[in-house]
Amino acid sequence: MSVVRQLLRARLVDELHLLIHPIVVGHGLRLFDDGETIPLRLLSSDAFPAGVVYSIYAPDAAPPVGGYREAAAHLDRG
C-alpha cells in the first residue's frame, strides 16, 4: 500500500494535487485499489495546452449517494 493511500485512509490529507498526463502505458502503480473507495470532492481543475490536467481534490465528508440515474437527473441539458 502506498503512503498516499495510507494517509488518505487515515484522513490525514487536506488536499490532493494531481497532474494527469494523457499517456496510456497499461502498467504501473495505481493510486487507488479496486473495491476501496475514498470519497473526494473536486476543488478545481485546469488543463494545459499539452493536454495535462491539474486537479485539486479534498476529502468529502458527505459524499453524494445514488447512481448514474440520480446524477443524470441534475444535469443541465440546455
PDB file of N, CA and C in Angstrom:
ATOM      1  N   MET A   1       0.854  -1.177   0.000  1.00  0.00           N
ATOM      2  CA  MET A   1       0.000   0.000   0.000  1.00  0.00           C
ATOM      3  C   MET A   1       0.900   1.241   0.000  1.00  0.00           C
ATOM      4  N   SER A   2       0.535   2.228  -0.808  1.00  0.00           N
ATOM      5  CA  SER A   2       1.362   3.429  -0.912  1.00  0.00           C
ATOM      6  C   SER A   2       1.144   4.340   0.293  1.00  0.00           C
ATOM      7  N   VAL A   3       2.089   5.242   0.494  1.00  0.00           N
ATOM      8  CA  VAL A   3       1.982   6.214   1.577  1.00  0.00           C
ATOM      9  C   VAL A   3       0.758   7.095   1.365  1.00  0.00           C
ATOM     10  N   VAL A   4       0.488   7.477   0.106  1.00  0.00           N
ATOM     11  CA  VAL A   4      -0.670   8.323  -0.190  1.00  0.00           C
ATOM     12  C   VAL A   4      -1.951   7.628   0.234  1.00  0.00           C
ATOM     13  N   ARG A   5      -2.098   6.360  -0.118  1.00  0.00           N
ATOM     14  CA  ARG A   5      -3.306   5.619   0.276  1.00  0.00           C
ATOM     15  C   ARG A   5      -3.425   5.507   1.787  1.00  0.00           C
ATOM     16  N   GLN A   6      -2.309   5.286   2.470  1.00  0.00           N
ATOM     17  CA  GLN A   6      -2.336   5.199   3.931  1.00  0.00           C
ATOM     18  C   GLN A   6      -2.767   6.521   4.553  1.00  0.00           C
ATOM     19  N   LEU A   7      -2.249   7.630   4.038  1.00  0.00           N
ATOM     20  CA  LEU A   7      -2.617   8.941   4.564  1.00  0.00           C
ATOM     21  C   LEU A   7      -4.076   9.269   4.280  1.00  0.00           C
ATOM     22  N   LEU A   8      -4.546   8.941   3.079  1.00  0.00           N
ATOM     23  CA  LEU A   8      -5.954   9.173   2.756  1.00  0.00           C
ATOM     24  C   LEU A   8      -6.868   8.354   3.659  1.00  0.00           C
ATOM     25  N   ARG A   9      -6.538   7.101   3.845  1.00  0.00           N
ATOM     26  CA  ARG A   9      -7.348   6.218   4.687  1.00  0.00           C
ATOM     27  C   ARG A   9      -7.391   6.733   6.130  1.00  0.00           C
ATOM     28  N   ALA A  10      -6.281   7.281   6.621  1.00  0.00           N
ATOM     29  CA  ALA A  10      -6.210   7.807   7.991  1.00  0.00           C
ATOM     30  C   ALA A  10      -6.785   9.216   8.094  1.00  0.00           C
ATOM     31  N   ARG A  11      -7.266   9.742   6.970  1.00  0.00           N
ATOM     32  CA  ARG A  11      -7.843  11.090   6.907  1.00  0.00           C
ATOM     33  C   ARG A  11      -6.836  12.163   7.346  1.00  0.00           C
ATOM     34  N   LEU A  12      -5.591  12.019   6.879  1.00  0.00           N
ATOM     35  CA  LEU A  12      -4.528  12.964   7.199  1.00  0.00           C
ATOM     36  C   LEU A  12      -4.148  13.839   6.006  1.00  0.00           C
ATOM     37  N   VAL A  13      -4.956  13.818   4.962  1.00  0.00           N
ATOM     38  CA  VAL A  13      -4.695  14.623   3.761  1.00  0.00           C
ATOM     39  C   VAL A  13      -5.751  15.720   3.660  1.00  0.00           C
ATOM     40  N   ASP A  14      -5.284  16.974   3.546  1.00  0.00           N
ATOM     41  CA  ASP A  14      -6.210  18.091   3.372  1.00  0.00           C
ATOM     42  C   ASP A  14      -6.567  18.294   1.907  1.00  0.00           C
ATOM     43  N   GLU A  15      -5.574  18.201   1.042  1.00  0.00           N
ATOM     44  CA  GLU A  15      -5.782  18.356  -0.395  1.00  0.00           C
ATOM     45  C   GLU A  15      -4.888  17.386  -1.147  1.00  0.00           C
ATOM     46  N   LEU A  16      -5.380  16.938  -2.280  1.00  0.00           N
ATOM     47  CA  LEU A  16      -4.629  16.033  -3.146  1.00  0.00           C
ATOM     48  C   LEU A  16      -4.463  16.745  -4.489  1.00  0.00           C
ATOM     49  N   HIS A  17      -3.222  17.083  -4.848  1.00  0.00           N
ATOM     50  CA  HIS A  17      -2.930  17.769  -6.109  1.00  0.00           C
ATOM     51  C   HIS A  17      -2.432  16.727  -7.107  1.00  0.00           C
ATOM     52  N   LEU A  18      -3.128  16.607  -8.222  1.00  0.00           N
ATOM     53  CA  LEU A  18      -2.770  15.604  -9.225  1.00  0.00           C
ATOM     54  C   LEU A  18      -2.489  16.266 -10.563  1.00  0.00           C
ATOM     55  N   LEU A  19      -1.423  15.838 -11.221  1.00  0.00           N
ATOM     56  CA  LEU A  19      -1.142  16.192 -12.607  1.00  0.00           C
ATOM     57  C   LEU A  19      -1.410  14.929 -13.418  1.00  0.00           C
ATOM     58  N   ILE A  20      -2.415  14.986 -14.271  1.00  0.00           N
ATOM     59  CA  ILE A  20      -2.848  13.821 -15.035  1.00  0.00           C
ATOM     60  C   ILE A  20      -2.377  13.994 -16.478  1.00  0.00           C
ATOM     61  N   HIS A  21      -1.500  13.093 -16.915  1.00  0.00           N
ATOM     62  CA  HIS A  21      -0.916  13.156 -18.244  1.00  0.00           C
ATOM     63  C   HIS A  21      -1.670  12.215 -19.190  1.00  0.00           C
ATOM     64  N   PRO A  22      -1.953  12.669 -20.412  1.00  0.00           N
ATOM     65  CA  PRO A  22      -2.713  11.843 -21.361  1.00  0.00           C
ATOM     66  C   PRO A  22      -1.840  10.788 -22.051  1.00  0.00           C
ATOM     67  N   ILE A  23      -1.328   9.853 -21.265  1.00  0.00           N
ATOM     68  CA  ILE A  23      -0.460   8.805 -21.792  1.00  0.00           C
ATOM     69  C   ILE A  23      -1.027   7.463 -21.363  1.00  0.00           C
ATOM     70  N   VAL A  24      -1.111   6.534 -22.286  1.00  0.00           N
ATOM     71  CA  VAL A  24      -1.586   5.190 -21.953  1.00  0.00           C
ATOM     72  C   VAL A  24      -0.387   4.260 -21.963  1.00  0.00           C
ATOM     73  N   VAL A  25      -0.111   3.665 -20.815  1.00  0.00           N
ATOM     74  CA  VAL A  25       1.025   2.756 -20.729  1.00  0.00           C
ATOM     75  C   VAL A  25       0.595   1.345 -20.343  1.00  0.00           C
ATOM     76  N   GLY A  26      -0.524   1.209 -19.640  1.00  0.00           N
ATOM     77  CA  GLY A  26      -1.033  -0.120 -19.313  1.00  0.00           C
ATOM     78  C   GLY A  26      -0.404  -0.802 -18.127  1.00  0.00           C
ATOM     79  N   HIS A  27       0.524  -0.143 -17.444  1.00  0.00           N
ATOM     80  CA  HIS A  27       1.117  -0.756 -16.262  1.00  0.00           C
ATOM     81  C   HIS A  27       1.577   0.339 -15.311  1.00  0.00           C
ATOM     82  N   GLY A  28       1.988  -0.061 -14.151  1.00  0.00           N
ATOM     83  CA  GLY A  28       2.440   0.892 -13.155  1.00  0.00           C
ATOM     84  C   GLY A  28       1.608   0.781 -11.889  1.00  0.00           C
ATOM     85  N   LEU A  29       1.964   1.582 -10.906  1.00  0.00           N
ATOM     86  CA  LEU A  29       1.250   1.573  -9.643  1.00  0.00           C
ATOM     87  C   LEU A  29      -0.054   2.349  -9.762  1.00  0.00           C
ATOM     88  N   ARG A  30      -1.068   1.822  -9.128  1.00  0.00           N
ATOM     89  CA  ARG A  30      -2.361   2.503  -9.105  1.00  0.00           C
ATOM     90  C   ARG A  30      -2.451   3.334  -7.835  1.00  0.00           C
ATOM     91  N   LEU A  31      -3.078   4.489  -7.931  1.00  0.00           N
ATOM     92  CA  LEU A  31      -3.253   5.333  -6.758  1.00  0.00           C
ATOM     93  C   LEU A  31      -4.286   4.720  -5.818  1.00  0.00           C
ATOM     94  N   PHE A  32      -5.349   4.127  -6.380  1.00  0.00           N
ATOM     95  CA  PHE A  32      -6.408   3.537  -5.571  1.00  0.00           C
ATOM     96  C   PHE A  32      -6.579   2.069  -5.929  1.00  0.00           C
ATOM     97  N   ASP A  33      -6.827   1.237  -4.919  1.00  0.00           N
ATOM     98  CA  ASP A  33      -7.080  -0.183  -5.126  1.00  0.00           C
ATOM     99  C   ASP A  33      -8.504  -0.391  -5.618  1.00  0.00           C
ATOM    100  N   ASP A  34      -8.736  -1.492  -6.324  1.00  0.00           N
ATOM    101  CA  ASP A  34     -10.090  -1.855  -6.726  1.00  0.00           C
ATOM    102  C   ASP A  34     -10.911  -2.180  -5.489  1.00  0.00           C
ATOM    103  N   GLY A  35     -12.154  -1.747  -5.488  1.00  0.00           N
ATOM    104  CA  GLY A  35     -13.060  -2.074  -4.400  1.00  0.00           C
ATOM    105  C   GLY A  35     -13.081  -1.053  -3.281  1.00  0.00           C
ATOM    106  N   GLU A  36     -11.945  -0.480  -2.966  1.00  0.00           N
ATOM    107  CA  GLU A  36     -11.905   0.506  -1.894  1.00  0.00           C
ATOM    108  C   GLU A  36     -12.225   1.883  -2.455  1.00  0.00           C
ATOM    109  N   THR A  37     -13.107   2.607  -1.791  1.00  0.00           N
ATOM    110  CA  THR A  37     -13.425   3.956  -2.240  1.00  0.00           C
ATOM    111  C   THR A  37     -13.073   4.953  -1.148  1.00  0.00           C
ATOM    112  N   ILE A  38     -12.526   6.060  -1.564  1.00  0.00           N
ATOM    113  CA  ILE A  38     -12.226   7.174  -0.670  1.00  0.00           C
ATOM    114  C   ILE A  38     -12.930   8.380  -1.274  1.00  0.00           C
ATOM    115  N   PRO A  39     -14.001   8.861  -0.641  1.00  0.00           N
ATOM    116  CA  PRO A  39     -14.764   9.959  -1.238  1.00  0.00           C
ATOM    117  C   PRO A  39     -13.942  11.248  -1.306  1.00  0.00           C
ATOM    118  N   LEU A  40     -13.842  11.797  -2.511  1.00  0.00           N
ATOM    119  CA  LEU A  40     -13.112  13.037  -2.749  1.00  0.00           C
ATOM    120  C   LEU A  40     -14.031  14.030  -3.448  1.00  0.00           C
ATOM    121  N   ARG A  41     -13.765  15.318  -3.219  1.00  0.00           N
ATOM    122  CA  ARG A  41     -14.526  16.397  -3.846  1.00  0.00           C
ATOM    123  C   ARG A  41     -13.555  17.206  -4.703  1.00  0.00           C
ATOM    124  N   LEU A  42     -13.931  17.452  -5.957  1.00  0.00           N
ATOM    125  CA  LEU A  42     -13.086  18.234  -6.861  1.00  0.00           C
ATOM    126  C   LEU A  42     -13.176  19.707  -6.476  1.00  0.00           C
ATOM    127  N   LEU A  43     -12.024  20.317  -6.158  1.00  0.00           N
ATOM    128  CA  LEU A  43     -11.978  21.731  -5.803  1.00  0.00           C
ATOM    129  C   LEU A  43     -11.717  22.601  -7.022  1.00  0.00           C
ATOM    130  N   SER A  44     -10.792  22.167  -7.883  1.00  0.00           N
ATOM    131  CA  SER A  44     -10.502  22.922  -9.102  1.00  0.00           C
ATOM    132  C   SER A  44      -9.815  22.014 -10.103  1.00  0.00           C
ATOM    133  N   SER A  45      -9.854  22.448 -11.358  1.00  0.00           N
ATOM    134  CA  SER A  45      -9.236  21.684 -12.425  1.00  0.00           C
ATOM    135  C   SER A  45      -8.857  22.634 -13.551  1.00  0.00           C
ATOM    136  N   ASP A  46      -7.626  22.518 -14.025  1.00  0.00           N
ATOM    137  CA  ASP A  46      -7.133  23.326 -15.140  1.00  0.00           C
ATOM    138  C   ASP A  46      -6.457  22.417 -16.149  1.00  0.00           C
ATOM    139  N   ALA A  47      -6.633  22.732 -17.435  1.00  0.00           N
ATOM    140  CA  ALA A  47      -5.983  21.961 -18.500  1.00  0.00           C
ATOM    141  C   ALA A  47      -4.905  22.820 -19.157  1.00  0.00           C
ATOM    142  N   PHE A  48      -3.760  22.207 -19.404  1.00  0.00           N
ATOM    143  CA  PHE A  48      -2.666  22.876 -20.088  1.00  0.00           C
ATOM    144  C   PHE A  48      -2.725  22.543 -21.577  1.00  0.00           C
ATOM    145  N   PRO A  49      -2.115  23.375 -22.450  1.00  0.00           N
ATOM    146  CA  PRO A  49      -2.168  23.123 -23.898  1.00  0.00           C
ATOM    147  C   PRO A  49      -1.668  21.735 -24.304  1.00  0.00           C
ATOM    148  N   ALA A  50      -0.737  21.161 -23.556  1.00  0.00           N
ATOM    149  CA  ALA A  50      -0.200  19.840 -23.901  1.00  0.00           C
ATOM    150  C   ALA A  50      -1.154  18.708 -23.536  1.00  0.00           C
ATOM    151  N   GLY A  51      -2.295  19.041 -22.910  1.00  0.00           N
ATOM    152  CA  GLY A  51      -3.258  18.016 -22.537  1.00  0.00           C
ATOM    153  C   GLY A  51      -3.172  17.561 -21.101  1.00  0.00           C
ATOM    154  N   VAL A  52      -2.194  18.046 -20.358  1.00  0.00           N
ATOM    155  CA  VAL A  52      -2.055  17.693 -18.946  1.00  0.00           C
ATOM    156  C   VAL A  52      -3.145  18.412 -18.161  1.00  0.00           C
ATOM    157  N   VAL A  53      -3.785  17.693 -17.248  1.00  0.00           N
ATOM    158  CA  VAL A  53      -4.837  18.267 -16.413  1.00  0.00           C
ATOM    159  C   VAL A  53      -4.330  18.337 -14.979  1.00  0.00           C
ATOM    160  N   TYR A  54      -4.439  19.521 -14.387  1.00  0.00           N
ATOM    161  CA  TYR A  54      -4.052  19.746 -12.990  1.00  0.00           C
ATOM    162  C   TYR A  54      -5.331  19.840 -12.177  1.00  0.00           C
ATOM    163  N   SER A  55      -5.543  18.878 -11.291  1.00  0.00           N
ATOM    164  CA  SER A  55      -6.765  18.821 -10.494  1.00  0.00           C
ATOM    165  C   SER A  55      -6.428  18.820  -9.011  1.00  0.00           C
ATOM    166  N   ILE A  56      -7.257  19.503  -8.240  1.00  0.00           N
ATOM    167  CA  ILE A  56      -7.106  19.534  -6.787  1.00  0.00           C
ATOM    168  C   ILE A  56      -8.368  18.936  -6.176  1.00  0.00           C
ATOM    169  N   TYR A  57      -8.159  17.929  -5.321  1.00  0.00           N
ATOM    170  CA  TYR A  57      -9.254  17.248  -4.638  1.00  0.00           C
ATOM    171  C   TYR A  57      -9.091  17.399  -3.133  1.00  0.00           C
ATOM    172  N   ALA A  58     -10.217  17.320  -2.417  1.00  0.00           N
ATOM    173  CA  ALA A  58     -10.220  17.304  -0.954  1.00  0.00           C
ATOM    174  C   ALA A  58     -11.115  16.162  -0.507  1.00  0.00           C
ATOM    175  N   PRO A  59     -10.854  15.619   0.670  1.00  0.00           N
ATOM    176  CA  PRO A  59     -11.751  14.580   1.182  1.00  0.00           C
ATOM    177  C   PRO A  59     -13.170  15.128   1.294  1.00  0.00           C
ATOM    178  N   ASP A  60     -14.140  14.310   0.995  1.00  0.00           N
ATOM    179  CA  ASP A  60     -15.552  14.711   1.052  1.00  0.00           C
ATOM    180  C   ASP A  60     -16.211  14.010   2.229  1.00  0.00           C
ATOM    181  N   ALA A  61     -16.549  14.791   3.260  1.00  0.00           N
ATOM    182  CA  ALA A  61     -17.143  14.223   4.472  1.00  0.00           C
ATOM    183  C   ALA A  61     -18.568  13.741   4.233  1.00  0.00           C
ATOM    184  N   ALA A  62     -19.256  14.342   3.266  1.00  0.00           N
ATOM    185  CA  ALA A  62     -20.640  13.965   2.984  1.00  0.00           C
ATOM    186  C   ALA A  62     -20.797  13.724   1.484  1.00  0.00           C
ATOM    187  N   PRO A  63     -20.257  12.607   0.971  1.00  0.00           N
ATOM    188  CA  PRO A  63     -20.346  12.362  -0.479  1.00  0.00           C
ATOM    189  C   PRO A  63     -21.783  12.124  -0.907  1.00  0.00           C
ATOM    190  N   PRO A  64     -22.127  12.486  -2.137  1.00  0.00           N
ATOM    191  CA  PRO A  64     -23.483  12.236  -2.620  1.00  0.00           C
ATOM    192  C   PRO A  64     -23.755  10.741  -2.706  1.00  0.00           C
ATOM    193  N   VAL A  65     -25.004  10.401  -2.600  1.00  0.00           N
ATOM    194  CA  VAL A  65     -25.397   8.999  -2.712  1.00  0.00           C
ATOM    195  C   VAL A  65     -26.219   8.823  -3.980  1.00  0.00           C
ATOM    196  N   GLY A  66     -26.330   7.599  -4.444  1.00  0.00           N
ATOM    197  CA  GLY A  66     -27.101   7.327  -5.650  1.00  0.00           C
ATOM    198  C   GLY A  66     -26.197   6.876  -6.761  1.00  0.00           C
ATOM    199  N   GLY A  67     -26.793   6.697  -7.913  1.00  0.00           N
ATOM    200  CA  GLY A  67     -26.055   6.215  -9.057  1.00  0.00           C
ATOM    201  C   GLY A  67     -26.156   7.165 -10.225  1.00  0.00           C
ATOM    202  N   TYR A  68     -25.920   6.630 -11.397  1.00  0.00           N
ATOM    203  CA  TYR A  68     -25.903   7.435 -12.609  1.00  0.00           C
ATOM    204  C   TYR A  68     -27.253   8.101 -12.858  1.00  0.00           C
ATOM    205  N   ARG A  69     -28.328   7.364 -12.699  1.00  0.00           N
ATOM    206  CA  ARG A  69     -29.661   7.924 -12.989  1.00  0.00           C
ATOM    207  C   ARG A  69     -29.973   9.132 -12.118  1.00  0.00           C
ATOM    208  N   GLU A  70     -29.615   9.053 -10.837  1.00  0.00           N
ATOM    209  CA  GLU A  70     -29.863  10.190  -9.943  1.00  0.00           C
ATOM    210  C   GLU A  70     -28.996  11.387 -10.340  1.00  0.00           C
ATOM    211  N   ALA A  71     -27.761  11.128 -10.718  1.00  0.00           N
ATOM    212  CA  ALA A  71     -26.873  12.215 -11.135  1.00  0.00           C
ATOM    213  C   ALA A  71     -27.338  12.825 -12.449  1.00  0.00           C
ATOM    214  N   ALA A  72     -27.763  11.995 -13.394  1.00  0.00           N
ATOM    215  CA  ALA A  72     -28.202  12.485 -14.706  1.00  0.00           C
ATOM    216  C   ALA A  72     -29.428  13.384 -14.581  1.00  0.00           C
ATOM    217  N   ALA A  73     -30.243  13.159 -13.567  1.00  0.00           N
ATOM    218  CA  ALA A  73     -31.445  13.979 -13.372  1.00  0.00           C
ATOM    219  C   ALA A  73     -31.077  15.423 -13.051  1.00  0.00           C
ATOM    220  N   HIS A  74     -29.855  15.662 -12.588  1.00  0.00           N
ATOM    221  CA  HIS A  74     -29.429  17.022 -12.212  1.00  0.00           C
ATOM    222  C   HIS A  74     -28.582  17.693 -13.296  1.00  0.00           C
ATOM    223  N   LEU A  75     -28.340  17.029 -14.412  1.00  0.00           N
ATOM    224  CA  LEU A  75     -27.531  17.615 -15.482  1.00  0.00           C
ATOM    225  C   LEU A  75     -28.288  18.690 -16.227  1.00  0.00           C
ATOM    226  N   ASP A  76     -27.573  19.737 -16.618  1.00  0.00           N
ATOM    227  CA  ASP A  76     -28.156  20.796 -17.434  1.00  0.00           C
ATOM    228  C   ASP A  76     -28.179  20.329 -18.879  1.00  0.00           C
ATOM    229  N   ARG A  77     -29.338  20.170 -19.423  1.00  0.00           N
ATOM    230  CA  ARG A  77     -29.474  19.674 -20.799  1.00  0.00           C
ATOM    231  C   ARG A  77     -29.605  20.804 -21.811  1.00  0.00           C
ATOM    232  N   GLY A  78     -29.459  22.058 -21.368  1.00  0.00           N
ATOM    233  CA  GLY A  78     -29.658  23.238 -22.198  1.00  0.00           C
ATOM    234  C   GLY A  78     -28.671  23.385 -23.241  1.00  0.00           C
TER     235      GLY A  78
END
